[in-house]
Structure formats: C-alpha cells, structure tokens
Amino acid sequence: MSTDTAEQSARSGGNTFFGDVWVNFVRWNIKAVRNRFVLVGSLVQPVIFLVLFTQVFGNVAGQSLPPGIPNYETYLLPAIVIQVSLATGATSGIGLVNDIESGMFEKVLVSPMNRAAVFVGKTAAEMVRIVLQIAIILGLGVLLGAEIATGIVGVVGIMLVGILFSLWFVAFSNTLALLTKDQESTIIGANLLQFPLLFVSSAFLPISTLPGWIQTVAKFNPITYGVDAARAIMLDADVMEVWDITAFGGIWNTLVPSIGVLVALALLLGGIAVSMINRASSADVR
C-alpha cells in the first residue's frame, strides 16, 4: 500500500465527524443491550397506561370523543407513542449521568472527538430504541382494538413523529444531566416535566372537553403537537384543536404546524445540549 493510500485510509478511519458519530452510536447501543432493565423499564409505564386507560376509562372517555374516531383505543394510542418517546428521552439523561459518574464522559472530553458528533451518535442510538418500542406499542394497541387508518405507511409516519418528538426531550434530559451531574436530580427533573405536560395536552381527552385554563396551556405544550401529529396520521384526518389552521388542507393542517413546532424545539434544545458539551471540560466533571 502506498504512503498516500495509507494516509487517506487513516483519515477516513480517523476522527471524521461521521466516524465519531458511528463510534458513539455503537457504544451506546452496546450499553443499552447490556442494560436490559433500562430497555424494558422505559416501556413498562407506557404499556401500563395503554392497558389501564383503555380498559378502565375507555367506556367513559369514549363518550366524549368527536365523530369519526372508532374507539378510545384508537384515540389514545398516539398519546402512548409520545409517552414512549418521553420515557426514552428521560433515560438518555440518566445514561449520561452514569458516564459522568464512572469517568467515561471525562475520557470523551479529553479525546479528539467532535463534541457535536458525541451528542448525535448518542441520540441516534436512542432513536433505534424508540423505533423498536413504538413498534411494540403499536402492535399491542392494534391487538386491543385500535385502528390505523393509514396502514403501514401510517405506522412508519407515526414512528417518524415519535423520533422527531423525542429529539427535544433527549436534548433536554442530557442538558439536565450536564447541569446536575446527578442521577436522582435528572430523574426527578425529567419526571416533573413529562407527567404534568401529558395531562395538560390533547393526550387523553379532546381539548374541547377540558377546562379553559388547560386549553390555554395546551397551546404552548409540545406534547400537544406530538400527539396531534401522530393522531392525524393514525386517523388520516385534521385533528388539531388548539389552533384553527386551514391553509394546508386536510391532514396537513395538523402535520405542518405540529412538525414545525417540533423541529424548532429540537434545533433549539439540541443546540443548547451541544453547547453544554462544548463548554464542558475535564476539570468540570467529577
């Protein structure tokens, strides 16, 4: 092998951005597989919510559903998909705290790795887990009686919404981990945010049936936009209640503004997370 070829090979296998992304992607996937409790634990709560809410509250809640929705299982399933994304996002920060406490994060900081690639690779690994868990939730929902009007294309669309939604919460959870450097604080902070937000959104009941102050909060609640986007794909219909948008027609009146909000949040909080990693130094991590 010539010197030029060897140098080119070294560069391609060295510290390129995508090479760093791949290294971190593989590392976090291996770590997830080895910690099966985290894999299962983040799925247990959404499954419990899906089964209990449909079986205990299904008959009562179903009476308040707008026309065109076949049953409460169909209405609730998109909300549980978003809850899966929230739960996985919360565990992402916990994983980073474990790295900080074990000293692994300090080693990453002093390595020549691109800091943005560190975050992107870690986030990409979380996305794999989210896709698998959403597939399980959708399968369970269909078994319970939920109907996906858009079929296989809709399943893929709902998965993509779940991934997009999770990006901002993964970034938030990792930022919280970098700020607190404490597992307990990260768990408490993530849970304090996700559970109140779930109940002041369109997740469990139509917005029109909720008190006025909740309707106001729901307009500024990211969960509303994630749930509405997934529900619009599920029902193949415009389901947005918090804003009266008619410019795009049909399902797109929900999808366009919802996706716009989620992309903006992902960029904002993702930028903050990368900035926090860039500003970190080995002296800051104990």
C-alpha atoms as a PDB file:
ATOM      1  CA  MET A   1       0.000   0.000   0.000  1.00  0.00           C
ATOM      2  CA  SER A   2       1.404   3.425  -0.981  1.00  0.00           C
ATOM      3  CA  THR A   3       2.009   6.173   1.554  1.00  0.00           C
ATOM      4  CA  ASP A   4      -0.765   8.328   0.020  1.00  0.00           C
ATOM      5  CA  THR A   5      -3.230   5.463   0.201  1.00  0.00           C
ATOM      6  CA  ALA A   6      -2.292   4.722   3.800  1.00  0.00           C
ATOM      7  CA  GLU A   7      -2.720   8.375   4.753  1.00  0.00           C
ATOM      8  CA  GLN A   8      -6.108   8.509   3.023  1.00  0.00           C
ATOM      9  CA  SER A   9      -7.188   5.334   4.819  1.00  0.00           C
ATOM     10  CA  ALA A  10      -6.079   6.745   8.159  1.00  0.00           C
ATOM     11  CA  ARG A  11      -8.029   9.927   7.561  1.00  0.00           C
ATOM     12  CA  SER A  12     -11.176   8.051   6.567  1.00  0.00           C
ATOM     13  CA  GLY A  13     -10.970   5.823   9.636  1.00  0.00           C
ATOM     14  CA  GLY A  14      -9.806   8.568  11.965  1.00  0.00           C
ATOM     15  CA  ASN A  15     -11.595  11.406  13.666  1.00  0.00           C
ATOM     16  CA  THR A  16     -14.066  12.346  10.970  1.00  0.00           C
ATOM     17  CA  PHE A  17     -17.448  13.667  12.102  1.00  0.00           C
ATOM     18  CA  PHE A  18     -19.320  10.618  10.836  1.00  0.00           C
ATOM     19  CA  GLY A  19     -16.662   8.294  12.242  1.00  0.00           C
ATOM     20  CA  ASP A  20     -17.153   9.851  15.677  1.00  0.00           C
ATOM     21  CA  VAL A  21     -20.933   9.577  15.299  1.00  0.00           C
ATOM     22  CA  TRP A  22     -20.602   5.893  14.455  1.00  0.00           C
ATOM     23  CA  VAL A  23     -18.294   5.152  17.405  1.00  0.00           C
ATOM     24  CA  ASN A  24     -20.732   6.767  19.831  1.00  0.00           C
ATOM     25  CA  PHE A  25     -23.749   5.159  18.148  1.00  0.00           C
ATOM     26  CA  VAL A  26     -22.247   1.680  18.533  1.00  0.00           C
ATOM     27  CA  ARG A  27     -21.075   2.299  22.101  1.00  0.00           C
ATOM     28  CA  TRP A  28     -24.490   3.457  23.329  1.00  0.00           C
ATOM     29  CA  ASN A  29     -26.291   0.593  21.589  1.00  0.00           C
ATOM     30  CA  ILE A  30     -23.956  -1.936  23.224  1.00  0.00           C
ATOM     31  CA  LYS A  31     -24.527  -0.230  26.563  1.00  0.00           C
ATOM     32  CA  ALA A  32     -28.321  -0.402  26.073  1.00  0.00           C
ATOM     33  CA  VAL A  33     -28.244  -4.103  25.182  1.00  0.00           C
ATOM     34  CA  ARG A  34     -26.193  -4.861  28.275  1.00  0.00           C
ATOM     35  CA  ASN A  35     -28.609  -2.928  30.496  1.00  0.00           C
ATOM     36  CA  ARG A  36     -31.846  -4.757  29.746  1.00  0.00           C
ATOM     37  CA  PHE A  37     -33.565  -3.181  32.753  1.00  0.00           C
ATOM     38  CA  VAL A  38     -33.457   0.230  31.042  1.00  0.00           C
ATOM     39  CA  LEU A  39     -34.735  -1.264  27.779  1.00  0.00           C
ATOM     40  CA  VAL A  40     -37.702  -2.890  29.485  1.00  0.00           C
ATOM     41  CA  GLY A  41     -38.230  -0.276  32.196  1.00  0.00           C
ATOM     42  CA  SER A  42     -38.866   2.612  29.819  1.00  0.00           C
ATOM     43  CA  LEU A  43     -41.545   0.506  28.075  1.00  0.00           C
ATOM     44  CA  VAL A  44     -43.392  -0.767  31.155  1.00  0.00           C
ATOM     45  CA  GLN A  45     -45.021   2.530  32.114  1.00  0.00           C
ATOM     46  CA  PRO A  46     -46.483   3.284  28.645  1.00  0.00           C
ATOM     47  CA  VAL A  47     -47.822  -0.287  28.414  1.00  0.00           C
ATOM     48  CA  ILE A  48     -49.497   0.097  31.818  1.00  0.00           C
ATOM     49  CA  PHE A  49     -51.027   3.419  30.732  1.00  0.00           C
ATOM     50  CA  LEU A  50     -52.296   1.900  27.473  1.00  0.00           C
ATOM     51  CA  VAL A  51     -53.901  -1.124  29.115  1.00  0.00           C
ATOM     52  CA  LEU A  52     -55.305   0.634  32.192  1.00  0.00           C
ATOM     53  CA  PHE A  53     -56.643   3.729  30.438  1.00  0.00           C
ATOM     54  CA  THR A  54     -58.353   1.757  27.687  1.00  0.00           C
ATOM     55  CA  GLN A  55     -59.794  -0.901  29.999  1.00  0.00           C
ATOM     56  CA  VAL A  56     -60.699   1.286  32.986  1.00  0.00           C
ATOM     57  CA  PHE A  57     -61.612   4.611  31.370  1.00  0.00           C
ATOM     58  CA  GLY A  58     -62.364   3.505  27.799  1.00  0.00           C
ATOM     59  CA  ASN A  59     -66.156   3.382  28.066  1.00  0.00           C
ATOM     60  CA  VAL A  60     -66.448   6.731  29.860  1.00  0.00           C
ATOM     61  CA  ALA A  61     -63.821   8.577  27.820  1.00  0.00           C
ATOM     62  CA  GLY A  62     -65.159   7.142  24.587  1.00  0.00           C
ATOM     63  CA  GLN A  63     -68.402   9.057  25.061  1.00  0.00           C
ATOM     64  CA  SER A  64     -66.568  12.383  24.746  1.00  0.00           C
ATOM     65  CA  LEU A  65     -64.759  11.532  21.507  1.00  0.00           C
ATOM     66  CA  PRO A  66     -65.590  13.529  18.376  1.00  0.00           C
ATOM     67  CA  PRO A  67     -67.278  11.781  15.407  1.00  0.00           C
ATOM     68  CA  GLY A  68     -65.059   9.683  13.143  1.00  0.00           C
ATOM     69  CA  ILE A  69     -62.983   8.058  15.893  1.00  0.00           C
ATOM     70  CA  PRO A  70     -63.902   4.349  16.131  1.00  0.00           C
ATOM     71  CA  ASN A  71     -62.939   3.794  19.778  1.00  0.00           C
ATOM     72  CA  TYR A  72     -60.875   5.131  22.665  1.00  0.00           C
ATOM     73  CA  GLU A  73     -58.028   2.706  21.908  1.00  0.00           C
ATOM     74  CA  THR A  74     -57.539   4.429  18.558  1.00  0.00           C
ATOM     75  CA  TYR A  75     -57.680   7.864  20.182  1.00  0.00           C
ATOM     76  CA  LEU A  76     -55.249   7.005  22.998  1.00  0.00           C
ATOM     77  CA  LEU A  77     -52.596   5.051  21.081  1.00  0.00           C
ATOM     78  CA  PRO A  78     -50.832   8.128  19.597  1.00  0.00           C
ATOM     79  CA  ALA A  79     -50.529   9.584  23.118  1.00  0.00           C
ATOM     80  CA  ILE A  80     -48.855   6.397  24.346  1.00  0.00           C
ATOM     81  CA  VAL A  81     -46.441   6.563  21.395  1.00  0.00           C
ATOM     82  CA  ILE A  82     -45.426  10.029  22.540  1.00  0.00           C
ATOM     83  CA  GLN A  83     -45.133   8.786  26.132  1.00  0.00           C
ATOM     84  CA  VAL A  84     -42.657   6.150  24.896  1.00  0.00           C
ATOM     85  CA  SER A  85     -40.588   8.941  23.359  1.00  0.00           C
ATOM     86  CA  LEU A  86     -40.696  10.864  26.640  1.00  0.00           C
ATOM     87  CA  ALA A  87     -39.673   7.832  28.710  1.00  0.00           C
ATOM     88  CA  THR A  88     -36.744   7.037  26.410  1.00  0.00           C
ATOM     89  CA  GLY A  89     -35.682  10.680  26.431  1.00  0.00           C
ATOM     90  CA  ALA A  90     -35.615  10.643  30.235  1.00  0.00           C
ATOM     91  CA  THR A  91     -33.396   7.544  30.341  1.00  0.00           C
ATOM     92  CA  SER A  92     -30.994   9.211  27.882  1.00  0.00           C
ATOM     93  CA  GLY A  93     -30.006  11.765  30.513  1.00  0.00           C
ATOM     94  CA  ILE A  94     -29.648   9.047  33.134  1.00  0.00           C
ATOM     95  CA  GLY A  95     -27.211   7.213  30.844  1.00  0.00           C
ATOM     96  CA  LEU A  96     -25.111  10.364  30.513  1.00  0.00           C
ATOM     97  CA  VAL A  97     -25.020  10.787  34.306  1.00  0.00           C
ATOM     98  CA  ASN A  98     -23.750   7.198  34.576  1.00  0.00           C
ATOM     99  CA  ASP A  99     -20.960   8.107  32.150  1.00  0.00           C
ATOM    100  CA  ILE A 100     -20.108  11.185  34.226  1.00  0.00           C
ATOM    101  CA  GLU A 101     -20.050   9.215  37.478  1.00  0.00           C
ATOM    102  CA  SER A 102     -17.932   6.398  36.002  1.00  0.00           C
ATOM    103  CA  GLY A 103     -15.390   8.813  34.492  1.00  0.00           C
ATOM    104  CA  MET A 104     -16.177   7.768  30.901  1.00  0.00           C
ATOM    105  CA  PHE A 105     -17.505  11.202  29.995  1.00  0.00           C
ATOM    106  CA  GLU A 106     -14.235  12.783  31.174  1.00  0.00           C
ATOM    107  CA  LYS A 107     -12.338  10.491  28.802  1.00  0.00           C
ATOM    108  CA  VAL A 108     -14.612  11.554  25.947  1.00  0.00           C
ATOM    109  CA  LEU A 109     -13.985  15.229  26.759  1.00  0.00           C
ATOM    110  CA  VAL A 110     -10.206  14.890  26.568  1.00  0.00           C
ATOM    111  CA  SER A 111     -10.360  12.813  23.366  1.00  0.00           C
ATOM    112  CA  PRO A 112     -10.166  14.445  19.905  1.00  0.00           C
ATOM    113  CA  MET A 113     -13.795  13.500  19.207  1.00  0.00           C
ATOM    114  CA  ASN A 114     -16.098  16.127  17.721  1.00  0.00           C
ATOM    115  CA  ARG A 115     -18.425  17.202  20.554  1.00  0.00           C
ATOM    116  CA  ALA A 116     -21.465  17.531  18.273  1.00  0.00           C
ATOM    117  CA  ALA A 117     -20.780  14.015  16.960  1.00  0.00           C
ATOM    118  CA  VAL A 118     -20.760  12.718  20.544  1.00  0.00           C
ATOM    119  CA  PHE A 119     -24.303  14.030  21.051  1.00  0.00           C
ATOM    120  CA  VAL A 120     -25.539  12.991  17.584  1.00  0.00           C
ATOM    121  CA  GLY A 121     -24.221   9.435  17.965  1.00  0.00           C
ATOM    122  CA  LYS A 122     -25.787   9.060  21.396  1.00  0.00           C
ATOM    123  CA  THR A 123     -29.092  10.470  20.144  1.00  0.00           C
ATOM    124  CA  ALA A 124     -29.089   8.159  17.103  1.00  0.00           C
ATOM    125  CA  ALA A 125     -28.731   5.163  19.435  1.00  0.00           C
ATOM    126  CA  GLU A 126     -31.755   6.369  21.405  1.00  0.00           C
ATOM    127  CA  MET A 127     -33.724   6.583  18.146  1.00  0.00           C
ATOM    128  CA  VAL A 128     -33.173   2.882  17.457  1.00  0.00           C
ATOM    129  CA  ARG A 129     -34.631   2.048  20.861  1.00  0.00           C
ATOM    130  CA  ILE A 130     -37.583   4.384  20.293  1.00  0.00           C
ATOM    131  CA  VAL A 131     -38.454   2.756  16.944  1.00  0.00           C
ATOM    132  CA  LEU A 132     -38.429  -0.736  18.483  1.00  0.00           C
ATOM    133  CA  GLN A 133     -40.554   0.347  21.426  1.00  0.00           C
ATOM    134  CA  ILE A 134     -43.058   2.244  19.271  1.00  0.00           C
ATOM    135  CA  ALA A 135     -43.421  -0.867  17.089  1.00  0.00           C
ATOM    136  CA  ILE A 136     -44.266  -2.904  20.213  1.00  0.00           C
ATOM    137  CA  ILE A 137     -46.766  -0.291  21.443  1.00  0.00           C
ATOM    138  CA  LEU A 138     -48.485  -0.040  18.048  1.00  0.00           C
ATOM    139  CA  GLY A 139     -48.740  -3.823  17.830  1.00  0.00           C
ATOM    140  CA  LEU A 140     -50.231  -4.030  21.321  1.00  0.00           C
ATOM    141  CA  GLY A 141     -52.639  -1.182  20.530  1.00  0.00           C
ATOM    142  CA  VAL A 142     -53.916  -2.954  17.425  1.00  0.00           C
ATOM    143  CA  LEU A 143     -54.424  -6.130  19.462  1.00  0.00           C
ATOM    144  CA  LEU A 144     -56.523  -4.094  21.930  1.00  0.00           C
ATOM    145  CA  GLY A 145     -58.704  -2.794  19.107  1.00  0.00           C
ATOM    146  CA  ALA A 146     -57.009   0.362  17.797  1.00  0.00           C
ATOM    147  CA  GLU A 147     -57.286   1.078  14.076  1.00  0.00           C
ATOM    148  CA  ILE A 148     -54.573   2.732  11.960  1.00  0.00           C
ATOM    149  CA  ALA A 149     -56.437   4.263   9.017  1.00  0.00           C
ATOM    150  CA  THR A 150     -53.260   4.886   7.002  1.00  0.00           C
ATOM    151  CA  GLY A 151     -51.938   1.325   7.260  1.00  0.00           C
ATOM    152  CA  ILE A 152     -48.227   0.506   7.009  1.00  0.00           C
ATOM    153  CA  VAL A 153     -47.410   3.977   5.677  1.00  0.00           C
ATOM    154  CA  GLY A 154     -49.102   5.383   8.751  1.00  0.00           C
ATOM    155  CA  VAL A 155     -47.073   3.119  11.048  1.00  0.00           C
ATOM    156  CA  VAL A 156     -43.855   4.481   9.525  1.00  0.00           C
ATOM    157  CA  GLY A 157     -45.184   8.040   9.787  1.00  0.00           C
ATOM    158  CA  ILE A 158     -46.084   7.601  13.454  1.00  0.00           C
ATOM    159  CA  MET A 159     -42.602   6.231  14.145  1.00  0.00           C
ATOM    160  CA  LEU A 160     -41.042   9.262  12.453  1.00  0.00           C
ATOM    161  CA  VAL A 161     -43.196  11.596  14.552  1.00  0.00           C
ATOM    162  CA  GLY A 162     -42.116   9.719  17.681  1.00  0.00           C
ATOM    163  CA  ILE A 163     -38.463  10.130  16.697  1.00  0.00           C
ATOM    164  CA  LEU A 164     -38.866  13.827  15.898  1.00  0.00           C
ATOM    165  CA  PHE A 165     -40.718  14.454  19.139  1.00  0.00           C
ATOM    166  CA  SER A 166     -38.093  12.633  21.206  1.00  0.00           C
ATOM    167  CA  LEU A 167     -35.252  14.824  19.916  1.00  0.00           C
ATOM    168  CA  TRP A 168     -36.127  17.840  22.046  1.00  0.00           C
ATOM    169  CA  PHE A 169     -36.681  15.783  25.194  1.00  0.00           C
ATOM    170  CA  VAL A 170     -33.464  13.795  24.701  1.00  0.00           C
ATOM    171  CA  ALA A 171     -31.651  17.138  24.402  1.00  0.00           C
ATOM    172  CA  PHE A 172     -33.432  18.485  27.486  1.00  0.00           C
ATOM    173  CA  SER A 173     -32.633  15.348  29.505  1.00  0.00           C
ATOM    174  CA  ASN A 174     -28.947  15.434  28.519  1.00  0.00           C
ATOM    175  CA  THR A 175     -28.735  19.144  29.310  1.00  0.00           C
ATOM    176  CA  LEU A 176     -30.267  18.443  32.719  1.00  0.00           C
ATOM    177  CA  ALA A 177     -27.696  15.675  33.265  1.00  0.00           C
ATOM    178  CA  LEU A 178     -24.825  18.035  32.419  1.00  0.00           C
ATOM    179  CA  LEU A 179     -26.200  20.705  34.752  1.00  0.00           C
ATOM    180  CA  THR A 180     -26.888  18.445  37.756  1.00  0.00           C
ATOM    181  CA  LYS A 181     -24.323  15.654  37.214  1.00  0.00           C
ATOM    182  CA  ASP A 182     -26.607  13.673  39.482  1.00  0.00           C
ATOM    183  CA  GLN A 183     -28.806  10.705  38.535  1.00  0.00           C
ATOM    184  CA  GLU A 184     -31.514  11.383  41.114  1.00  0.00           C
ATOM    185  CA  SER A 185     -31.862  15.037  40.134  1.00  0.00           C
ATOM    186  CA  THR A 186     -32.032  14.141  36.448  1.00  0.00           C
ATOM    187  CA  ILE A 187     -34.779  11.560  37.045  1.00  0.00           C
ATOM    188  CA  ILE A 188     -36.801  13.952  39.223  1.00  0.00           C
ATOM    189  CA  GLY A 189     -36.394  16.843  36.783  1.00  0.00           C
ATOM    190  CA  ALA A 190     -37.439  14.774  33.742  1.00  0.00           C
ATOM    191  CA  ASN A 191     -40.433  13.226  35.524  1.00  0.00           C
ATOM    192  CA  LEU A 192     -41.581  16.542  36.963  1.00  0.00           C
ATOM    193  CA  LEU A 193     -41.789  17.886  33.429  1.00  0.00           C
ATOM    194  CA  GLN A 194     -43.226  14.947  31.487  1.00  0.00           C
ATOM    195  CA  PHE A 195     -46.157  13.893  33.670  1.00  0.00           C
ATOM    196  CA  PRO A 196     -47.824  17.297  34.195  1.00  0.00           C
ATOM    197  CA  LEU A 197     -47.372  18.066  30.492  1.00  0.00           C
ATOM    198  CA  LEU A 198     -49.080  14.809  29.498  1.00  0.00           C
ATOM    199  CA  PHE A 199     -52.229  15.704  31.428  1.00  0.00           C
ATOM    200  CA  VAL A 200     -52.461  19.311  30.160  1.00  0.00           C
ATOM    201  CA  SER A 201     -52.405  18.327  26.498  1.00  0.00           C
ATOM    202  CA  SER A 202     -54.600  16.542  23.973  1.00  0.00           C
ATOM    203  CA  ALA A 203     -53.138  13.186  25.059  1.00  0.00           C
ATOM    204  CA  PHE A 204     -56.043  11.597  26.928  1.00  0.00           C
ATOM    205  CA  LEU A 205     -59.153  13.634  26.081  1.00  0.00           C
ATOM    206  CA  PRO A 206     -60.230  16.110  23.383  1.00  0.00           C
ATOM    207  CA  ILE A 207     -59.088  19.653  24.221  1.00  0.00           C
ATOM    208  CA  SER A 208     -62.657  20.954  23.894  1.00  0.00           C
ATOM    209  CA  THR A 209     -63.781  18.862  26.880  1.00  0.00           C
ATOM    210  CA  LEU A 210     -61.075  20.223  29.200  1.00  0.00           C
ATOM    211  CA  PRO A 211     -61.201  23.346  31.424  1.00  0.00           C
ATOM    212  CA  GLY A 212     -60.361  26.661  29.808  1.00  0.00           C
ATOM    213  CA  TRP A 213     -57.001  27.092  31.546  1.00  0.00           C
ATOM    214  CA  ILE A 214     -55.858  23.665  30.316  1.00  0.00           C
ATOM    215  CA  GLN A 215     -56.885  24.593  26.770  1.00  0.00           C
ATOM    216  CA  THR A 216     -54.653  27.665  27.051  1.00  0.00           C
ATOM    217  CA  VAL A 217     -51.694  25.698  28.420  1.00  0.00           C
ATOM    218  CA  ALA A 218     -52.158  23.033  25.732  1.00  0.00           C
ATOM    219  CA  LYS A 219     -51.479  25.613  23.006  1.00  0.00           C
ATOM    220  CA  PHE A 220     -47.917  26.003  24.313  1.00  0.00           C
ATOM    221  CA  ASN A 221     -47.369  22.372  25.311  1.00  0.00           C
ATOM    222  CA  PRO A 222     -45.018  20.404  22.998  1.00  0.00           C
ATOM    223  CA  ILE A 223     -46.842  17.169  23.829  1.00  0.00           C
ATOM    224  CA  THR A 224     -49.999  18.517  22.184  1.00  0.00           C
ATOM    225  CA  TYR A 225     -48.171  18.899  18.867  1.00  0.00           C
ATOM    226  CA  GLY A 226     -46.527  15.474  19.061  1.00  0.00           C
ATOM    227  CA  VAL A 227     -49.797  13.738  19.939  1.00  0.00           C
ATOM    228  CA  ASP A 228     -51.790  15.665  17.325  1.00  0.00           C
ATOM    229  CA  ALA A 229     -49.282  14.830  14.573  1.00  0.00           C
ATOM    230  CA  ALA A 230     -49.320  11.110  15.435  1.00  0.00           C
ATOM    231  CA  ARG A 231     -53.120  11.135  15.820  1.00  0.00           C
ATOM    232  CA  ALA A 232     -53.609  12.888  12.468  1.00  0.00           C
ATOM    233  CA  ILE A 233     -51.614  10.110  10.780  1.00  0.00           C
ATOM    234  CA  MET A 234     -53.472   7.456  12.788  1.00  0.00           C
ATOM    235  CA  LEU A 235     -56.895   8.781  11.736  1.00  0.00           C
ATOM    236  CA  ASP A 236     -55.893  10.281   8.361  1.00  0.00           C
ATOM    237  CA  ALA A 237     -57.661  13.488   9.428  1.00  0.00           C
ATOM    238  CA  ASP A 238     -57.116  17.026  10.658  1.00  0.00           C
ATOM    239  CA  VAL A 239     -57.335  16.762  14.467  1.00  0.00           C
ATOM    240  CA  MET A 240     -55.758  19.983  15.690  1.00  0.00           C
ATOM    241  CA  GLU A 241     -57.961  21.869  18.152  1.00  0.00           C
ATOM    242  CA  VAL A 242     -55.599  24.388  19.742  1.00  0.00           C
ATOM    243  CA  TRP A 243     -55.261  26.460  16.547  1.00  0.00           C
ATOM    244  CA  ASP A 244     -57.722  26.946  13.692  1.00  0.00           C
ATOM    245  CA  ILE A 245     -55.489  26.356  10.662  1.00  0.00           C
ATOM    246  CA  THR A 246     -56.984  25.754   7.213  1.00  0.00           C
ATOM    247  CA  ALA A 247     -54.193  26.884   4.879  1.00  0.00           C
ATOM    248  CA  PHE A 248     -52.791  23.445   4.035  1.00  0.00           C
ATOM    249  CA  GLY A 249     -55.888  21.269   3.670  1.00  0.00           C
ATOM    250  CA  GLY A 250     -56.923  18.050   5.401  1.00  0.00           C
ATOM    251  CA  ILE A 251     -54.375  16.181   7.493  1.00  0.00           C
ATOM    252  CA  TRP A 252     -51.680  18.748   6.619  1.00  0.00           C
ATOM    253  CA  ASN A 253     -53.469  21.408   8.679  1.00  0.00           C
ATOM    254  CA  THR A 254     -52.282  19.380  11.669  1.00  0.00           C
ATOM    255  CA  LEU A 255     -48.994  17.990  10.388  1.00  0.00           C
ATOM    256  CA  VAL A 256     -47.360  21.161   9.053  1.00  0.00           C
ATOM    257  CA  PRO A 257     -47.656  23.332  12.200  1.00  0.00           C
ATOM    258  CA  SER A 258     -47.013  20.384  14.527  1.00  0.00           C
ATOM    259  CA  ILE A 259     -43.865  19.299  12.707  1.00  0.00           C
ATOM    260  CA  GLY A 260     -42.735  22.924  12.513  1.00  0.00           C
ATOM    261  CA  VAL A 261     -43.015  23.320  16.292  1.00  0.00           C
ATOM    262  CA  LEU A 262     -41.196  20.043  16.979  1.00  0.00           C
ATOM    263  CA  VAL A 263     -38.363  20.829  14.553  1.00  0.00           C
ATOM    264  CA  ALA A 264     -37.889  24.272  16.127  1.00  0.00           C
ATOM    265  CA  LEU A 265     -37.765  22.751  19.622  1.00  0.00           C
ATOM    266  CA  ALA A 266     -35.315  20.041  18.538  1.00  0.00           C
ATOM    267  CA  LEU A 267     -32.976  22.611  16.965  1.00  0.00           C
ATOM    268  CA  LEU A 268     -33.165  24.955  19.959  1.00  0.00           C
ATOM    269  CA  LEU A 269     -32.640  22.366  22.699  1.00  0.00           C
ATOM    270  CA  GLY A 270     -30.243  20.285  20.609  1.00  0.00           C
ATOM    271  CA  GLY A 271     -28.117  23.397  20.118  1.00  0.00           C
ATOM    272  CA  ILE A 272     -28.143  24.026  23.867  1.00  0.00           C
ATOM    273  CA  ALA A 273     -27.108  20.407  24.593  1.00  0.00           C
ATOM    274  CA  VAL A 274     -24.212  20.549  22.110  1.00  0.00           C
ATOM    275  CA  SER A 275     -23.173  23.930  23.536  1.00  0.00           C
ATOM    276  CA  MET A 276     -23.156  22.438  27.046  1.00  0.00           C
ATOM    277  CA  ILE A 277     -20.920  19.577  25.859  1.00  0.00           C
ATOM    278  CA  ASN A 278     -18.617  22.027  24.073  1.00  0.00           C
ATOM    279  CA  ARG A 279     -18.286  24.130  27.216  1.00  0.00           C
ATOM    280  CA  ALA A 280     -17.625  21.120  29.421  1.00  0.00           C
ATOM    281  CA  SER A 281     -14.043  20.347  30.391  1.00  0.00           C
ATOM    282  CA  SER A 282     -12.418  17.530  32.281  1.00  0.00           C
ATOM    283  CA  ALA A 283     -11.981  19.861  35.252  1.00  0.00           C
ATOM    284  CA  ASP A 284     -15.761  20.375  35.435  1.00  0.00           C
ATOM    285  CA  VAL A 285     -16.577  16.680  35.654  1.00  0.00           C
ATOM    286  CA  ARG A 286     -16.094  14.881  38.965  1.00  0.00           C
END
